[in-house]
Amino acid sequence: MALEALKQYAQDQKQVTQAEIEKLVKKDALKCPTSHEKAKGGINPLISKENVTEALQERLAVGYREQQENIRRAKQLRADINKGVQAGEPIYRLLLTAIECISLMTGEKLFYDMNKENLQTIYGILGEIEIERQEVYQRLNNLKAAYEREEAADAKRRIQNAIKAHEDKLNKLQCVCD
């Protein structure tokens, strides 16, 4: 039964594509769609069946490339989620990452945008402050490591000033959360 439905779906898609090709080929050269000529950058009318088929195949190829990029990005986000859980990242950030991953896997950007907006509305600014606090803390650790590696006195002084500024910002953010 499912095989028959799949065959019927494929046949319907083939008929829709053929109908679109026929419709585009029948239009006169002045009213038909155009495609960019790759080498010259000019525009040529799509008047032959081969040109229309090529344009439709290119449109499909673009869709497949986007889908492949989404799959690659979703795999990276899944790895980021695993690392974040092990590193003790804030739940708010992990949830947003998970929602972005789901959005990429399903191909629905609206899912991510809508849920991010809802989270910010419901949880307010505290989630954003927690993310900012984590980012400042990470930069502070990076600065401390750079200070230990640096040998030049002038560079050490600049790094020390940056460390002080980050510590102050971290204290301010901590006060807001408390």
N, C-alpha and C. Protein backbone atom coordinates (compact mmCIF):
# COMPACT_ATOMS: atom_id res chain seq x y z
N MET A 1 0.82 -1.19 0.00
CA MET A 1 0.00 0.00 0.00
C MET A 1 0.86 1.26 0.00
N ALA A 2 1.88 1.30 0.89
CA ALA A 2 2.75 2.46 0.98
C ALA A 2 3.57 2.61 -0.30
N LEU A 3 3.97 1.49 -0.89
CA LEU A 3 4.73 1.54 -2.13
C LEU A 3 3.90 2.13 -3.25
N GLU A 4 2.64 1.77 -3.31
CA GLU A 4 1.74 2.31 -4.32
C GLU A 4 1.56 3.82 -4.13
N ALA A 5 1.45 4.26 -2.88
CA ALA A 5 1.30 5.69 -2.59
C ALA A 5 2.56 6.44 -3.02
N LEU A 6 3.72 5.85 -2.75
CA LEU A 6 4.98 6.47 -3.13
C LEU A 6 5.10 6.57 -4.65
N LYS A 7 4.71 5.50 -5.35
CA LYS A 7 4.73 5.52 -6.81
C LYS A 7 3.80 6.59 -7.35
N GLN A 8 2.62 6.70 -6.76
CA GLN A 8 1.65 7.70 -7.20
C GLN A 8 2.19 9.10 -6.96
N TYR A 9 2.83 9.32 -5.81
CA TYR A 9 3.41 10.63 -5.50
C TYR A 9 4.50 11.00 -6.52
N ALA A 10 5.36 10.04 -6.85
CA ALA A 10 6.42 10.29 -7.84
C ALA A 10 5.82 10.61 -9.20
N GLN A 11 4.78 9.89 -9.58
CA GLN A 11 4.13 10.13 -10.86
C GLN A 11 3.48 11.52 -10.87
N ASP A 12 2.84 11.91 -9.76
CA ASP A 12 2.23 13.23 -9.67
C ASP A 12 3.28 14.33 -9.79
N GLN A 13 4.41 14.15 -9.13
CA GLN A 13 5.48 15.14 -9.19
C GLN A 13 6.03 15.26 -10.61
N LYS A 14 6.16 14.13 -11.28
CA LYS A 14 6.64 14.15 -12.67
C LYS A 14 5.65 14.90 -13.56
N GLN A 15 4.36 14.68 -13.35
CA GLN A 15 3.35 15.37 -14.15
C GLN A 15 3.36 16.87 -13.88
N VAL A 16 3.53 17.26 -12.61
CA VAL A 16 3.58 18.68 -12.27
C VAL A 16 4.78 19.33 -12.94
N THR A 17 5.93 18.66 -12.89
CA THR A 17 7.14 19.20 -13.51
C THR A 17 6.96 19.31 -15.01
N GLN A 18 6.41 18.28 -15.64
CA GLN A 18 6.18 18.32 -17.09
C GLN A 18 5.22 19.44 -17.46
N ALA A 19 4.18 19.63 -16.65
CA ALA A 19 3.21 20.70 -16.94
C ALA A 19 3.88 22.06 -16.83
N GLU A 20 4.76 22.23 -15.83
CA GLU A 20 5.45 23.51 -15.68
C GLU A 20 6.40 23.75 -16.86
N ILE A 21 7.10 22.70 -17.27
CA ILE A 21 8.01 22.83 -18.42
C ILE A 21 7.22 23.21 -19.66
N GLU A 22 6.12 22.53 -19.92
CA GLU A 22 5.30 22.82 -21.09
C GLU A 22 4.77 24.25 -21.05
N LYS A 23 4.33 24.70 -19.88
CA LYS A 23 3.80 26.05 -19.74
C LYS A 23 4.88 27.08 -20.03
N LEU A 24 6.10 26.86 -19.54
CA LEU A 24 7.19 27.80 -19.76
C LEU A 24 7.65 27.81 -21.21
N VAL A 25 7.67 26.65 -21.84
CA VAL A 25 8.12 26.56 -23.24
C VAL A 25 7.13 27.22 -24.18
N LYS A 26 5.83 27.15 -23.89
CA LYS A 26 4.80 27.68 -24.77
C LYS A 26 4.77 29.20 -24.79
N LYS A 27 5.25 29.86 -23.74
CA LYS A 27 5.24 31.33 -23.72
C LYS A 27 6.14 31.87 -24.81
N ASP A 28 5.79 33.04 -25.32
CA ASP A 28 6.64 33.61 -26.36
C ASP A 28 7.93 34.13 -25.73
N ALA A 29 8.92 34.40 -26.53
CA ALA A 29 10.27 34.74 -26.06
C ALA A 29 10.29 36.02 -25.23
N LEU A 30 9.38 36.95 -25.47
CA LEU A 30 9.39 38.21 -24.72
C LEU A 30 8.76 38.07 -23.34
N LYS A 31 7.81 37.14 -23.17
CA LYS A 31 7.13 37.00 -21.90
C LYS A 31 7.65 35.87 -21.04
N CYS A 32 8.56 35.06 -21.55
CA CYS A 32 9.01 33.89 -20.79
C CYS A 32 10.05 34.28 -19.73
N PRO A 33 10.24 33.41 -18.74
CA PRO A 33 11.19 33.70 -17.67
C PRO A 33 12.61 33.79 -18.20
N THR A 34 13.46 34.36 -17.42
CA THR A 34 14.86 34.52 -17.83
C THR A 34 15.78 33.83 -16.86
N SER A 35 16.98 33.49 -17.35
CA SER A 35 18.03 32.93 -16.49
C SER A 35 19.31 33.70 -16.78
N HIS A 36 20.16 33.76 -15.82
CA HIS A 36 21.43 34.47 -15.99
C HIS A 36 22.40 33.60 -16.76
N GLU A 37 22.96 34.17 -17.79
CA GLU A 37 23.96 33.46 -18.55
C GLU A 37 25.24 33.45 -17.74
N LYS A 38 25.77 32.29 -17.45
CA LYS A 38 26.88 32.18 -16.50
C LYS A 38 28.14 32.90 -16.97
N ALA A 39 28.53 32.74 -18.19
CA ALA A 39 29.82 33.27 -18.63
C ALA A 39 29.79 34.78 -18.85
N LYS A 40 28.73 35.30 -19.45
CA LYS A 40 28.70 36.70 -19.84
C LYS A 40 27.94 37.59 -18.88
N GLY A 41 27.16 37.01 -18.00
CA GLY A 41 26.37 37.81 -17.08
C GLY A 41 25.15 38.42 -17.73
N GLY A 42 24.88 38.08 -19.00
CA GLY A 42 23.70 38.59 -19.69
C GLY A 42 22.48 37.78 -19.31
N ILE A 43 21.35 38.11 -19.92
CA ILE A 43 20.11 37.40 -19.62
C ILE A 43 19.56 36.83 -20.92
N ASN A 44 19.25 35.55 -20.90
CA ASN A 44 18.69 34.87 -22.06
C ASN A 44 17.29 34.38 -21.74
N PRO A 45 16.36 34.47 -22.68
CA PRO A 45 15.04 33.91 -22.44
C PRO A 45 15.09 32.39 -22.44
N LEU A 46 14.23 31.77 -21.65
CA LEU A 46 14.14 30.31 -21.60
C LEU A 46 13.07 29.87 -22.59
N ILE A 47 13.48 29.59 -23.81
CA ILE A 47 12.48 29.23 -24.81
C ILE A 47 12.54 27.77 -25.20
N SER A 48 13.62 27.06 -24.87
CA SER A 48 13.68 25.65 -25.24
C SER A 48 13.39 24.78 -24.02
N LYS A 49 12.93 23.57 -24.30
CA LYS A 49 12.61 22.63 -23.23
C LYS A 49 13.86 22.30 -22.42
N GLU A 50 15.01 22.24 -23.06
CA GLU A 50 16.26 21.93 -22.37
C GLU A 50 16.64 23.04 -21.39
N ASN A 51 16.47 24.29 -21.80
CA ASN A 51 16.79 25.41 -20.91
C ASN A 51 15.87 25.44 -19.69
N VAL A 52 14.60 25.17 -19.91
CA VAL A 52 13.65 25.15 -18.81
C VAL A 52 13.99 24.01 -17.85
N THR A 53 14.29 22.85 -18.39
CA THR A 53 14.65 21.70 -17.57
C THR A 53 15.92 22.00 -16.77
N GLU A 54 16.90 22.62 -17.42
CA GLU A 54 18.14 22.98 -16.74
C GLU A 54 17.88 23.97 -15.60
N ALA A 55 17.02 24.94 -15.84
CA ALA A 55 16.70 25.93 -14.80
C ALA A 55 16.00 25.27 -13.62
N LEU A 56 15.08 24.35 -13.89
CA LEU A 56 14.39 23.65 -12.80
C LEU A 56 15.36 22.76 -12.03
N GLN A 57 16.28 22.11 -12.73
CA GLN A 57 17.27 21.27 -12.06
C GLN A 57 18.21 22.12 -11.20
N GLU A 58 18.55 23.30 -11.66
CA GLU A 58 19.40 24.20 -10.88
C GLU A 58 18.67 24.64 -9.61
N ARG A 59 17.38 24.92 -9.75
CA ARG A 59 16.58 25.30 -8.59
C ARG A 59 16.55 24.16 -7.56
N LEU A 60 16.40 22.93 -8.03
CA LEU A 60 16.43 21.77 -7.14
C LEU A 60 17.80 21.61 -6.49
N ALA A 61 18.86 21.83 -7.27
CA ALA A 61 20.22 21.68 -6.75
C ALA A 61 20.49 22.69 -5.64
N VAL A 62 19.99 23.91 -5.80
CA VAL A 62 20.15 24.93 -4.75
C VAL A 62 19.46 24.46 -3.47
N GLY A 63 18.28 23.91 -3.61
CA GLY A 63 17.55 23.40 -2.45
C GLY A 63 18.29 22.28 -1.76
N TYR A 64 18.86 21.37 -2.56
CA TYR A 64 19.62 20.27 -1.98
C TYR A 64 20.89 20.77 -1.29
N ARG A 65 21.55 21.78 -1.86
CA ARG A 65 22.75 22.33 -1.21
C ARG A 65 22.40 22.95 0.13
N GLU A 66 21.29 23.67 0.18
CA GLU A 66 20.84 24.27 1.45
C GLU A 66 20.54 23.18 2.47
N GLN A 67 19.90 22.12 2.02
CA GLN A 67 19.58 21.02 2.91
C GLN A 67 20.84 20.35 3.45
N GLN A 68 21.83 20.15 2.60
CA GLN A 68 23.09 19.55 3.03
C GLN A 68 23.82 20.45 4.03
N GLU A 69 23.79 21.76 3.81
CA GLU A 69 24.41 22.70 4.75
C GLU A 69 23.68 22.67 6.09
N ASN A 70 22.36 22.57 6.06
CA ASN A 70 21.60 22.47 7.30
C ASN A 70 21.96 21.21 8.07
N ILE A 71 22.12 20.10 7.37
CA ILE A 71 22.50 18.84 8.01
C ILE A 71 23.87 18.96 8.65
N ARG A 72 24.82 19.57 7.93
CA ARG A 72 26.17 19.74 8.47
C ARG A 72 26.14 20.62 9.72
N ARG A 73 25.40 21.72 9.65
CA ARG A 73 25.32 22.65 10.78
C ARG A 73 24.62 21.99 11.97
N ALA A 74 23.58 21.19 11.72
CA ALA A 74 22.87 20.50 12.79
C ALA A 74 23.78 19.51 13.50
N LYS A 75 24.63 18.82 12.74
CA LYS A 75 25.59 17.89 13.37
C LYS A 75 26.54 18.65 14.29
N GLN A 76 27.00 19.82 13.84
CA GLN A 76 27.90 20.63 14.67
C GLN A 76 27.18 21.10 15.93
N LEU A 77 25.92 21.50 15.79
CA LEU A 77 25.16 21.96 16.95
C LEU A 77 24.93 20.82 17.95
N ARG A 78 24.70 19.61 17.46
CA ARG A 78 24.54 18.47 18.36
C ARG A 78 25.81 18.24 19.15
N ALA A 79 26.95 18.36 18.50
CA ALA A 79 28.23 18.23 19.21
C ALA A 79 28.40 19.35 20.23
N ASP A 80 28.00 20.56 19.86
CA ASP A 80 28.07 21.70 20.78
C ASP A 80 27.19 21.48 22.01
N ILE A 81 26.02 20.89 21.80
CA ILE A 81 25.12 20.60 22.92
C ILE A 81 25.77 19.61 23.88
N ASN A 82 26.35 18.54 23.32
CA ASN A 82 27.03 17.55 24.17
C ASN A 82 28.16 18.19 24.98
N LYS A 83 28.97 19.00 24.31
CA LYS A 83 30.07 19.67 25.00
C LYS A 83 29.54 20.65 26.05
N GLY A 84 28.47 21.36 25.71
CA GLY A 84 27.90 22.34 26.63
C GLY A 84 27.35 21.69 27.89
N VAL A 85 26.70 20.54 27.73
CA VAL A 85 26.17 19.84 28.90
C VAL A 85 27.32 19.41 29.80
N GLN A 86 28.38 18.87 29.20
CA GLN A 86 29.53 18.43 29.98
C GLN A 86 30.26 19.60 30.63
N ALA A 87 30.26 20.76 29.97
CA ALA A 87 30.96 21.93 30.50
C ALA A 87 30.09 22.73 31.48
N GLY A 88 28.84 22.36 31.62
CA GLY A 88 27.96 23.05 32.55
C GLY A 88 27.48 24.40 32.05
N GLU A 89 27.28 24.53 30.75
CA GLU A 89 26.77 25.79 30.20
C GLU A 89 25.35 26.04 30.71
N PRO A 90 24.92 27.30 30.69
CA PRO A 90 23.57 27.62 31.16
C PRO A 90 22.50 26.90 30.33
N ILE A 91 21.45 26.49 31.01
CA ILE A 91 20.36 25.77 30.36
C ILE A 91 19.72 26.61 29.26
N TYR A 92 19.62 27.90 29.49
CA TYR A 92 19.02 28.81 28.51
C TYR A 92 19.76 28.71 27.18
N ARG A 93 21.10 28.75 27.23
CA ARG A 93 21.91 28.67 26.02
C ARG A 93 21.78 27.30 25.37
N LEU A 94 21.78 26.23 26.18
CA LEU A 94 21.64 24.88 25.62
C LEU A 94 20.28 24.70 24.95
N LEU A 95 19.25 25.25 25.57
CA LEU A 95 17.92 25.15 24.98
C LEU A 95 17.85 25.87 23.64
N LEU A 96 18.42 27.06 23.57
CA LEU A 96 18.43 27.80 22.29
C LEU A 96 19.21 27.03 21.23
N THR A 97 20.32 26.43 21.62
CA THR A 97 21.11 25.65 20.67
C THR A 97 20.31 24.44 20.19
N ALA A 98 19.62 23.78 21.10
CA ALA A 98 18.80 22.62 20.73
C ALA A 98 17.66 23.03 19.79
N ILE A 99 17.04 24.17 20.08
CA ILE A 99 15.96 24.66 19.22
C ILE A 99 16.50 25.00 17.83
N GLU A 100 17.68 25.61 17.77
CA GLU A 100 18.29 25.91 16.47
C GLU A 100 18.58 24.62 15.70
N CYS A 101 19.06 23.61 16.41
CA CYS A 101 19.35 22.32 15.78
C CYS A 101 18.08 21.69 15.20
N ILE A 102 17.02 21.71 15.97
CA ILE A 102 15.74 21.17 15.49
C ILE A 102 15.26 21.96 14.27
N SER A 103 15.42 23.27 14.34
CA SER A 103 15.00 24.12 13.23
C SER A 103 15.75 23.76 11.95
N LEU A 104 17.05 23.54 12.06
CA LEU A 104 17.83 23.17 10.88
C LEU A 104 17.45 21.78 10.37
N MET A 105 17.20 20.86 11.28
CA MET A 105 16.86 19.49 10.87
C MET A 105 15.51 19.44 10.16
N THR A 106 14.58 20.29 10.58
CA THR A 106 13.26 20.28 9.96
C THR A 106 13.15 21.27 8.81
N GLY A 107 14.12 22.17 8.70
CA GLY A 107 14.09 23.16 7.64
C GLY A 107 13.12 24.30 7.91
N GLU A 108 12.75 24.49 9.17
CA GLU A 108 11.80 25.53 9.54
C GLU A 108 12.49 26.62 10.36
N LYS A 109 12.95 27.66 9.70
CA LYS A 109 13.62 28.76 10.41
C LYS A 109 12.66 29.47 11.34
N LEU A 110 11.40 29.52 11.00
CA LEU A 110 10.40 30.16 11.83
C LEU A 110 10.32 29.51 13.21
N PHE A 111 10.53 28.20 13.28
CA PHE A 111 10.51 27.49 14.56
C PHE A 111 11.52 28.08 15.53
N TYR A 112 12.74 28.31 15.05
CA TYR A 112 13.79 28.89 15.89
C TYR A 112 13.45 30.33 16.28
N ASP A 113 13.10 31.14 15.30
CA ASP A 113 12.82 32.55 15.56
C ASP A 113 11.68 32.72 16.56
N MET A 114 10.61 31.96 16.36
CA MET A 114 9.43 32.08 17.21
C MET A 114 9.75 31.65 18.65
N ASN A 115 10.42 30.51 18.80
CA ASN A 115 10.72 30.01 20.14
C ASN A 115 11.76 30.86 20.85
N LYS A 116 12.72 31.39 20.13
CA LYS A 116 13.70 32.28 20.75
C LYS A 116 13.00 33.51 21.29
N GLU A 117 12.11 34.08 20.49
CA GLU A 117 11.36 35.27 20.92
C GLU A 117 10.48 34.95 22.13
N ASN A 118 9.83 33.79 22.11
CA ASN A 118 8.99 33.39 23.24
C ASN A 118 9.81 33.19 24.51
N LEU A 119 10.96 32.56 24.38
CA LEU A 119 11.82 32.37 25.55
C LEU A 119 12.26 33.70 26.14
N GLN A 120 12.62 34.63 25.28
CA GLN A 120 13.05 35.93 25.77
C GLN A 120 11.88 36.67 26.42
N THR A 121 10.69 36.50 25.90
CA THR A 121 9.52 37.15 26.49
C THR A 121 9.18 36.53 27.84
N ILE A 122 9.18 35.21 27.91
CA ILE A 122 8.79 34.52 29.13
C ILE A 122 9.84 34.67 30.23
N TYR A 123 11.10 34.40 29.87
CA TYR A 123 12.15 34.42 30.89
C TYR A 123 12.79 35.78 31.04
N GLY A 124 12.44 36.69 30.17
CA GLY A 124 12.92 38.05 30.28
C GLY A 124 14.40 38.19 30.07
N ILE A 125 14.91 39.24 30.63
CA ILE A 125 16.30 39.61 30.41
C ILE A 125 17.27 38.73 31.18
N LEU A 126 16.80 37.98 32.18
CA LEU A 126 17.72 37.18 32.99
C LEU A 126 18.45 36.14 32.15
N GLY A 127 17.78 35.56 31.18
CA GLY A 127 18.45 34.59 30.31
C GLY A 127 19.57 35.24 29.52
N GLU A 128 19.32 36.43 29.01
CA GLU A 128 20.35 37.15 28.26
C GLU A 128 21.51 37.55 29.16
N ILE A 129 21.20 37.95 30.39
CA ILE A 129 22.26 38.33 31.32
C ILE A 129 23.12 37.12 31.65
N GLU A 130 22.49 35.98 31.83
CA GLU A 130 23.26 34.76 32.12
C GLU A 130 24.18 34.40 30.97
N ILE A 131 23.69 34.55 29.75
CA ILE A 131 24.54 34.28 28.58
C ILE A 131 25.69 35.27 28.54
N GLU A 132 25.41 36.54 28.75
CA GLU A 132 26.47 37.54 28.75
C GLU A 132 27.49 37.27 29.85
N ARG A 133 26.99 36.87 31.03
CA ARG A 133 27.91 36.57 32.13
C ARG A 133 28.84 35.41 31.78
N GLN A 134 28.29 34.38 31.16
CA GLN A 134 29.11 33.24 30.74
C GLN A 134 30.16 33.66 29.70
N GLU A 135 29.76 34.51 28.77
CA GLU A 135 30.70 34.98 27.74
C GLU A 135 31.81 35.82 28.34
N VAL A 136 31.47 36.71 29.29
CA VAL A 136 32.47 37.54 29.95
C VAL A 136 33.42 36.66 30.75
N TYR A 137 32.88 35.66 31.43
CA TYR A 137 33.70 34.74 32.21
C TYR A 137 34.68 33.98 31.30
N GLN A 138 34.21 33.55 30.14
CA GLN A 138 35.08 32.83 29.19
C GLN A 138 36.19 33.75 28.68
N ARG A 139 35.84 34.98 28.33
CA ARG A 139 36.86 35.93 27.86
C ARG A 139 37.86 36.23 28.96
N LEU A 140 37.38 36.32 30.21
CA LEU A 140 38.27 36.57 31.34
C LEU A 140 39.28 35.44 31.48
N ASN A 141 38.83 34.22 31.36
CA ASN A 141 39.75 33.08 31.42
C ASN A 141 40.76 33.12 30.28
N ASN A 142 40.31 33.49 29.09
CA ASN A 142 41.22 33.60 27.95
C ASN A 142 42.26 34.69 28.18
N LEU A 143 41.83 35.81 28.75
CA LEU A 143 42.77 36.91 29.05
C LEU A 143 43.80 36.49 30.09
N LYS A 144 43.36 35.77 31.11
CA LYS A 144 44.30 35.30 32.13
C LYS A 144 45.33 34.35 31.53
N ALA A 145 44.89 33.49 30.64
CA ALA A 145 45.83 32.57 29.99
C ALA A 145 46.79 33.35 29.10
N ALA A 146 46.30 34.37 28.40
CA ALA A 146 47.17 35.19 27.55
C ALA A 146 48.17 35.96 28.39
N TYR A 147 47.75 36.42 29.57
CA TYR A 147 48.64 37.16 30.47
C TYR A 147 49.81 36.27 30.90
N GLU A 148 49.52 35.01 31.17
CA GLU A 148 50.57 34.07 31.59
C GLU A 148 51.55 33.79 30.45
N ARG A 149 51.08 33.76 29.23
CA ARG A 149 51.94 33.48 28.08
C ARG A 149 52.76 34.68 27.64
N GLU A 150 52.23 35.86 27.83
CA GLU A 150 52.86 37.09 27.32
C GLU A 150 54.13 37.41 28.08
N GLU A 151 55.13 37.90 27.34
CA GLU A 151 56.41 38.25 27.95
C GLU A 151 56.65 39.76 27.95
N ALA A 152 56.14 40.47 26.96
CA ALA A 152 56.37 41.91 26.87
C ALA A 152 55.60 42.64 27.96
N ALA A 153 56.29 43.57 28.64
CA ALA A 153 55.69 44.30 29.77
C ALA A 153 54.52 45.16 29.31
N ASP A 154 54.65 45.80 28.15
CA ASP A 154 53.58 46.67 27.64
C ASP A 154 52.31 45.86 27.35
N ALA A 155 52.49 44.72 26.73
CA ALA A 155 51.35 43.87 26.41
C ALA A 155 50.72 43.32 27.69
N LYS A 156 51.56 42.96 28.68
CA LYS A 156 51.05 42.46 29.95
C LYS A 156 50.20 43.53 30.64
N ARG A 157 50.63 44.78 30.55
CA ARG A 157 49.88 45.88 31.17
C ARG A 157 48.50 46.02 30.51
N ARG A 158 48.45 45.96 29.18
CA ARG A 158 47.17 46.07 28.48
C ARG A 158 46.25 44.90 28.84
N ILE A 159 46.83 43.71 28.89
CA ILE A 159 46.02 42.53 29.23
C ILE A 159 45.51 42.65 30.67
N GLN A 160 46.37 43.16 31.57
CA GLN A 160 45.96 43.33 32.97
C GLN A 160 44.79 44.31 33.08
N ASN A 161 44.82 45.38 32.29
CA ASN A 161 43.71 46.34 32.27
C ASN A 161 42.43 45.68 31.77
N ALA A 162 42.56 44.86 30.74
CA ALA A 162 41.39 44.15 30.20
C ALA A 162 40.84 43.16 31.23
N ILE A 163 41.73 42.50 31.96
CA ILE A 163 41.30 41.57 33.01
C ILE A 163 40.51 42.32 34.07
N LYS A 164 41.01 43.45 34.49
CA LYS A 164 40.34 44.27 35.51
C LYS A 164 38.94 44.69 35.02
N ALA A 165 38.86 45.15 33.77
CA ALA A 165 37.57 45.56 33.21
C ALA A 165 36.59 44.38 33.15
N HIS A 166 37.06 43.21 32.78
CA HIS A 166 36.20 42.04 32.71
C HIS A 166 35.75 41.60 34.10
N GLU A 167 36.63 41.67 35.08
CA GLU A 167 36.24 41.32 36.45
C GLU A 167 35.16 42.28 36.96
N ASP A 168 35.32 43.58 36.67
CA ASP A 168 34.31 44.55 37.08
C ASP A 168 32.96 44.26 36.42
N LYS A 169 33.00 43.97 35.12
CA LYS A 169 31.76 43.68 34.40
C LYS A 169 31.11 42.41 34.95
N LEU A 170 31.92 41.41 35.26
CA LEU A 170 31.40 40.17 35.82
C LEU A 170 30.73 40.43 37.17
N ASN A 171 31.33 41.28 37.99
CA ASN A 171 30.73 41.62 39.29
C ASN A 171 29.40 42.34 39.11
N LYS A 172 29.32 43.26 38.13
CA LYS A 172 28.06 43.97 37.87
C LYS A 172 26.97 43.01 37.41
N LEU A 173 27.35 42.09 36.53
CA LEU A 173 26.37 41.12 36.03
C LEU A 173 25.92 40.17 37.15
N GLN A 174 26.81 39.84 38.04
CA GLN A 174 26.47 38.98 39.16
C GLN A 174 25.48 39.66 40.08
N CYS A 175 25.66 40.97 40.30
CA CYS A 175 24.74 41.74 41.15
C CYS A 175 23.34 41.79 40.56
N VAL A 176 23.25 41.89 39.24
CA VAL A 176 21.95 41.96 38.57
C VAL A 176 21.21 40.64 38.73
N CYS A 177 21.94 39.53 38.65
CA CYS A 177 21.30 38.20 38.73
C CYS A 177 20.86 37.89 40.16
N ASP A 178 21.51 38.45 41.15
CA ASP A 178 21.20 38.13 42.55
C ASP A 178 19.99 38.84 43.05
